[in-house]
Amino acid sequence: LPERERAELKRRKLLLEVTLKSYWIRKGSAFSTAVARQETELTPEMIATGSWRQRPFKPYNFLALGLPPTCGHLHPLLKVRSQLRQIFLEMG
């Protein structure tokens, strides 16, 4: 369609433009039908026998965030105050 007609149809909402994407998938150089389990820990036995040289290791993510530390408690007086408030709320 010419640009002018296409703009007119879009303005009247009689034309809907759709973008189609297609991908070509090919086997890469590391393609394998078997799933190889990667090692996550280096054990003393691996070091002693030297088998760690032939095993694939999972890459370590240095940017990952760890678990947040569990710290911090209510002050004892604030704890008593909240308990008293709850008691009075239950009493009405």
N, C-alpha and C. Protein backbone atom coordinates (compact mmCIF):
# COMPACT_ATOMS: atom_id res chain seq x y z
N LEU A 1 0.84 -1.19 0.00
CA LEU A 1 0.00 0.00 0.00
C LEU A 1 0.88 1.25 0.00
N PRO A 2 0.40 2.28 -0.66
CA PRO A 2 1.13 3.56 -0.58
C PRO A 2 1.06 4.11 0.85
N GLU A 3 2.02 4.92 1.19
CA GLU A 3 2.13 5.46 2.55
C GLU A 3 0.88 6.25 2.95
N ARG A 4 0.33 6.99 2.03
CA ARG A 4 -0.84 7.82 2.32
C ARG A 4 -2.06 6.96 2.66
N GLU A 5 -2.31 5.92 1.87
CA GLU A 5 -3.45 5.04 2.13
C GLU A 5 -3.25 4.27 3.44
N ARG A 6 -2.02 3.85 3.68
CA ARG A 6 -1.74 3.10 4.91
C ARG A 6 -1.96 3.98 6.14
N ALA A 7 -1.55 5.23 6.07
CA ALA A 7 -1.76 6.15 7.19
C ALA A 7 -3.24 6.40 7.42
N GLU A 8 -4.01 6.50 6.33
CA GLU A 8 -5.46 6.72 6.45
C GLU A 8 -6.13 5.51 7.09
N LEU A 9 -5.77 4.30 6.67
CA LEU A 9 -6.36 3.10 7.25
C LEU A 9 -5.96 2.93 8.71
N LYS A 10 -4.73 3.28 9.05
CA LYS A 10 -4.32 3.20 10.45
C LYS A 10 -5.08 4.20 11.30
N ARG A 11 -5.32 5.39 10.77
CA ARG A 11 -6.06 6.42 11.50
C ARG A 11 -7.49 5.97 11.78
N ARG A 12 -8.09 5.27 10.84
CA ARG A 12 -9.46 4.78 10.99
C ARG A 12 -9.51 3.44 11.71
N LYS A 13 -8.33 2.95 12.13
CA LYS A 13 -8.19 1.68 12.86
C LYS A 13 -8.72 0.51 12.05
N LEU A 14 -8.47 0.55 10.75
CA LEU A 14 -8.84 -0.55 9.87
C LEU A 14 -7.62 -1.37 9.47
N LEU A 15 -6.47 -0.94 9.91
CA LEU A 15 -5.23 -1.62 9.55
C LEU A 15 -4.45 -1.90 10.83
N LEU A 16 -3.97 -3.11 10.94
CA LEU A 16 -3.16 -3.51 12.09
C LEU A 16 -1.83 -4.02 11.57
N GLU A 17 -0.76 -3.36 11.98
CA GLU A 17 0.57 -3.79 11.55
C GLU A 17 1.11 -4.80 12.55
N VAL A 18 1.61 -5.89 12.01
CA VAL A 18 2.16 -6.96 12.83
C VAL A 18 3.59 -7.21 12.38
N THR A 19 4.50 -7.32 13.34
CA THR A 19 5.89 -7.62 13.03
C THR A 19 6.15 -9.08 13.32
N LEU A 20 6.63 -9.79 12.35
CA LEU A 20 6.95 -11.20 12.52
C LEU A 20 8.46 -11.36 12.62
N LYS A 21 8.90 -12.15 13.60
CA LYS A 21 10.32 -12.42 13.76
C LYS A 21 10.54 -13.91 13.56
N SER A 22 11.62 -14.24 12.92
CA SER A 22 11.96 -15.65 12.74
C SER A 22 13.43 -15.83 13.10
N TYR A 23 13.74 -17.02 13.58
CA TYR A 23 15.08 -17.35 14.01
C TYR A 23 15.51 -18.65 13.36
N TRP A 24 16.80 -18.75 13.07
CA TRP A 24 17.39 -19.97 12.58
C TRP A 24 18.18 -20.59 13.72
N ILE A 25 17.86 -21.84 14.04
CA ILE A 25 18.54 -22.52 15.13
C ILE A 25 19.39 -23.63 14.53
N ARG A 26 20.69 -23.59 14.88
CA ARG A 26 21.62 -24.60 14.39
C ARG A 26 22.39 -25.18 15.56
N LYS A 27 22.94 -26.35 15.36
CA LYS A 27 23.75 -26.97 16.39
C LYS A 27 25.07 -26.23 16.50
N GLY A 28 25.44 -25.89 17.74
CA GLY A 28 26.68 -25.18 17.97
C GLY A 28 27.84 -26.14 18.16
N SER A 29 29.00 -25.57 18.44
CA SER A 29 30.20 -26.39 18.60
C SER A 29 30.15 -27.22 19.88
N ALA A 30 29.40 -26.79 20.89
CA ALA A 30 29.31 -27.51 22.16
C ALA A 30 28.04 -28.35 22.24
N PHE A 31 27.42 -28.67 21.10
CA PHE A 31 26.18 -29.44 21.10
C PHE A 31 26.44 -30.87 21.56
N SER A 32 25.55 -31.36 22.42
CA SER A 32 25.65 -32.74 22.89
C SER A 32 24.25 -33.21 23.27
N THR A 33 23.96 -34.49 23.03
CA THR A 33 22.65 -35.02 23.41
C THR A 33 22.63 -35.43 24.88
N ALA A 34 23.79 -35.64 25.46
CA ALA A 34 23.86 -36.01 26.88
C ALA A 34 24.12 -34.76 27.70
N VAL A 35 23.50 -34.70 28.87
CA VAL A 35 23.69 -33.57 29.76
C VAL A 35 24.88 -33.87 30.67
N ALA A 36 25.93 -33.09 30.56
CA ALA A 36 27.12 -33.29 31.38
C ALA A 36 26.97 -32.52 32.68
N ARG A 37 27.13 -33.21 33.79
CA ARG A 37 27.00 -32.57 35.09
C ARG A 37 28.32 -31.88 35.43
N GLN A 38 28.25 -30.60 35.70
CA GLN A 38 29.45 -29.85 36.03
C GLN A 38 29.71 -29.93 37.53
N GLU A 39 30.97 -29.98 37.89
CA GLU A 39 31.36 -30.04 39.30
C GLU A 39 31.20 -28.66 39.93
N THR A 40 30.81 -28.65 41.19
CA THR A 40 30.65 -27.40 41.90
C THR A 40 31.65 -27.25 43.03
N GLU A 41 32.25 -28.36 43.47
CA GLU A 41 33.19 -28.31 44.59
C GLU A 41 34.46 -29.07 44.23
N LEU A 42 35.56 -28.57 44.72
CA LEU A 42 36.85 -29.22 44.55
C LEU A 42 37.15 -29.97 45.84
N THR A 43 37.26 -31.30 45.77
CA THR A 43 37.47 -32.13 46.95
C THR A 43 38.95 -32.50 47.08
N PRO A 44 39.37 -32.88 48.28
CA PRO A 44 40.76 -33.31 48.46
C PRO A 44 41.12 -34.54 47.61
N GLU A 45 40.14 -35.42 47.37
CA GLU A 45 40.41 -36.59 46.54
C GLU A 45 40.72 -36.20 45.10
N MET A 46 40.02 -35.18 44.59
CA MET A 46 40.27 -34.70 43.23
C MET A 46 41.69 -34.13 43.12
N ILE A 47 42.10 -33.41 44.15
CA ILE A 47 43.44 -32.82 44.13
C ILE A 47 44.51 -33.91 44.20
N ALA A 48 44.28 -34.91 45.08
CA ALA A 48 45.26 -35.97 45.27
C ALA A 48 45.43 -36.81 44.00
N THR A 49 44.33 -37.12 43.31
CA THR A 49 44.41 -37.96 42.12
C THR A 49 44.68 -37.16 40.85
N GLY A 50 44.45 -35.86 40.89
CA GLY A 50 44.64 -35.02 39.71
C GLY A 50 43.48 -35.10 38.73
N SER A 51 42.35 -35.66 39.17
CA SER A 51 41.20 -35.80 38.26
C SER A 51 40.48 -34.49 38.01
N TRP A 52 40.81 -33.45 38.78
CA TRP A 52 40.14 -32.17 38.59
C TRP A 52 40.52 -31.52 37.26
N ARG A 53 41.62 -31.94 36.67
CA ARG A 53 42.06 -31.34 35.41
C ARG A 53 41.14 -31.71 34.24
N GLN A 54 40.52 -32.89 34.29
CA GLN A 54 39.67 -33.35 33.19
C GLN A 54 38.19 -33.04 33.42
N ARG A 55 37.81 -32.60 34.59
CA ARG A 55 36.39 -32.38 34.89
C ARG A 55 35.99 -30.93 34.61
N PRO A 56 34.78 -30.75 34.06
CA PRO A 56 34.30 -29.37 33.85
C PRO A 56 33.73 -28.81 35.16
N PHE A 57 34.06 -27.57 35.47
CA PHE A 57 33.57 -26.94 36.69
C PHE A 57 32.58 -25.84 36.32
N LYS A 58 31.58 -25.72 37.17
CA LYS A 58 30.57 -24.69 36.99
C LYS A 58 31.21 -23.33 37.28
N PRO A 59 30.99 -22.33 36.42
CA PRO A 59 31.60 -21.02 36.68
C PRO A 59 31.02 -20.39 37.94
N TYR A 60 31.87 -19.73 38.70
CA TYR A 60 31.45 -19.10 39.94
C TYR A 60 30.96 -17.69 39.65
N ASN A 61 29.82 -17.34 40.20
CA ASN A 61 29.24 -16.02 40.01
C ASN A 61 29.62 -15.13 41.19
N PHE A 62 30.59 -14.24 40.97
CA PHE A 62 31.04 -13.36 42.03
C PHE A 62 30.09 -12.19 42.26
N LEU A 63 29.16 -11.96 41.36
CA LEU A 63 28.23 -10.84 41.49
C LEU A 63 26.93 -11.22 42.18
N ALA A 64 26.75 -12.51 42.49
CA ALA A 64 25.50 -12.95 43.11
C ALA A 64 25.42 -12.45 44.55
N LEU A 65 24.24 -12.06 44.95
CA LEU A 65 24.03 -11.60 46.33
C LEU A 65 23.75 -12.81 47.21
N GLY A 66 24.31 -12.82 48.38
CA GLY A 66 24.09 -13.90 49.33
C GLY A 66 22.78 -13.70 50.08
N LEU A 67 22.52 -14.57 51.05
CA LEU A 67 21.34 -14.43 51.88
C LEU A 67 21.50 -13.23 52.80
N PRO A 68 20.44 -12.46 53.00
CA PRO A 68 20.57 -11.32 53.91
C PRO A 68 20.78 -11.82 55.34
N PRO A 69 21.62 -11.15 56.12
CA PRO A 69 21.85 -11.60 57.49
C PRO A 69 20.61 -11.41 58.34
N THR A 70 20.36 -12.37 59.19
CA THR A 70 19.21 -12.27 60.10
C THR A 70 19.69 -11.57 61.37
N CYS A 71 19.40 -10.31 61.48
CA CYS A 71 19.81 -9.55 62.65
C CYS A 71 18.76 -8.51 62.96
N GLY A 72 18.87 -7.97 64.15
CA GLY A 72 17.96 -6.91 64.57
C GLY A 72 16.76 -7.47 65.33
N HIS A 73 16.49 -6.87 66.47
CA HIS A 73 15.35 -7.28 67.29
C HIS A 73 14.67 -6.02 67.81
N LEU A 74 13.45 -6.19 68.24
CA LEU A 74 12.74 -5.08 68.86
C LEU A 74 13.33 -4.81 70.24
N HIS A 75 13.33 -3.54 70.61
CA HIS A 75 13.75 -3.18 71.97
C HIS A 75 12.76 -3.80 72.95
N PRO A 76 13.23 -4.28 74.10
CA PRO A 76 12.30 -4.94 75.05
C PRO A 76 11.11 -4.06 75.44
N LEU A 77 11.33 -2.76 75.62
CA LEU A 77 10.20 -1.88 75.98
C LEU A 77 9.21 -1.75 74.83
N LEU A 78 9.70 -1.68 73.60
CA LEU A 78 8.79 -1.62 72.45
C LEU A 78 8.00 -2.92 72.31
N LYS A 79 8.64 -4.03 72.66
CA LYS A 79 7.95 -5.32 72.58
C LYS A 79 6.81 -5.38 73.60
N VAL A 80 7.08 -4.91 74.83
CA VAL A 80 6.04 -4.90 75.88
C VAL A 80 4.93 -3.96 75.49
N ARG A 81 5.29 -2.79 74.93
CA ARG A 81 4.27 -1.82 74.52
C ARG A 81 3.36 -2.38 73.45
N SER A 82 3.93 -3.11 72.46
CA SER A 82 3.10 -3.69 71.41
C SER A 82 2.21 -4.81 71.96
N GLN A 83 2.72 -5.56 72.95
CA GLN A 83 1.89 -6.60 73.57
C GLN A 83 0.73 -5.98 74.34
N LEU A 84 1.01 -4.89 75.09
CA LEU A 84 -0.07 -4.21 75.83
C LEU A 84 -1.10 -3.63 74.88
N ARG A 85 -0.63 -3.04 73.79
CA ARG A 85 -1.54 -2.47 72.80
C ARG A 85 -2.46 -3.57 72.24
N GLN A 86 -1.88 -4.75 71.95
CA GLN A 86 -2.66 -5.86 71.42
C GLN A 86 -3.71 -6.33 72.43
N ILE A 87 -3.31 -6.37 73.70
CA ILE A 87 -4.27 -6.78 74.76
C ILE A 87 -5.43 -5.81 74.83
N PHE A 88 -5.14 -4.50 74.83
CA PHE A 88 -6.22 -3.51 74.89
C PHE A 88 -7.08 -3.52 73.65
N LEU A 89 -6.51 -3.79 72.52
CA LEU A 89 -7.30 -3.89 71.29
C LEU A 89 -8.25 -5.08 71.33
N GLU A 90 -7.78 -6.20 71.90
CA GLU A 90 -8.64 -7.37 72.03
C GLU A 90 -9.77 -7.14 73.03
N MET A 91 -9.49 -6.33 74.06
CA MET A 91 -10.53 -6.03 75.07
C MET A 91 -11.57 -5.04 74.54
N GLY A 92 -11.19 -4.28 73.54
CA GLY A 92 -12.14 -3.35 72.95
C GLY A 92 -11.87 -1.97 73.47
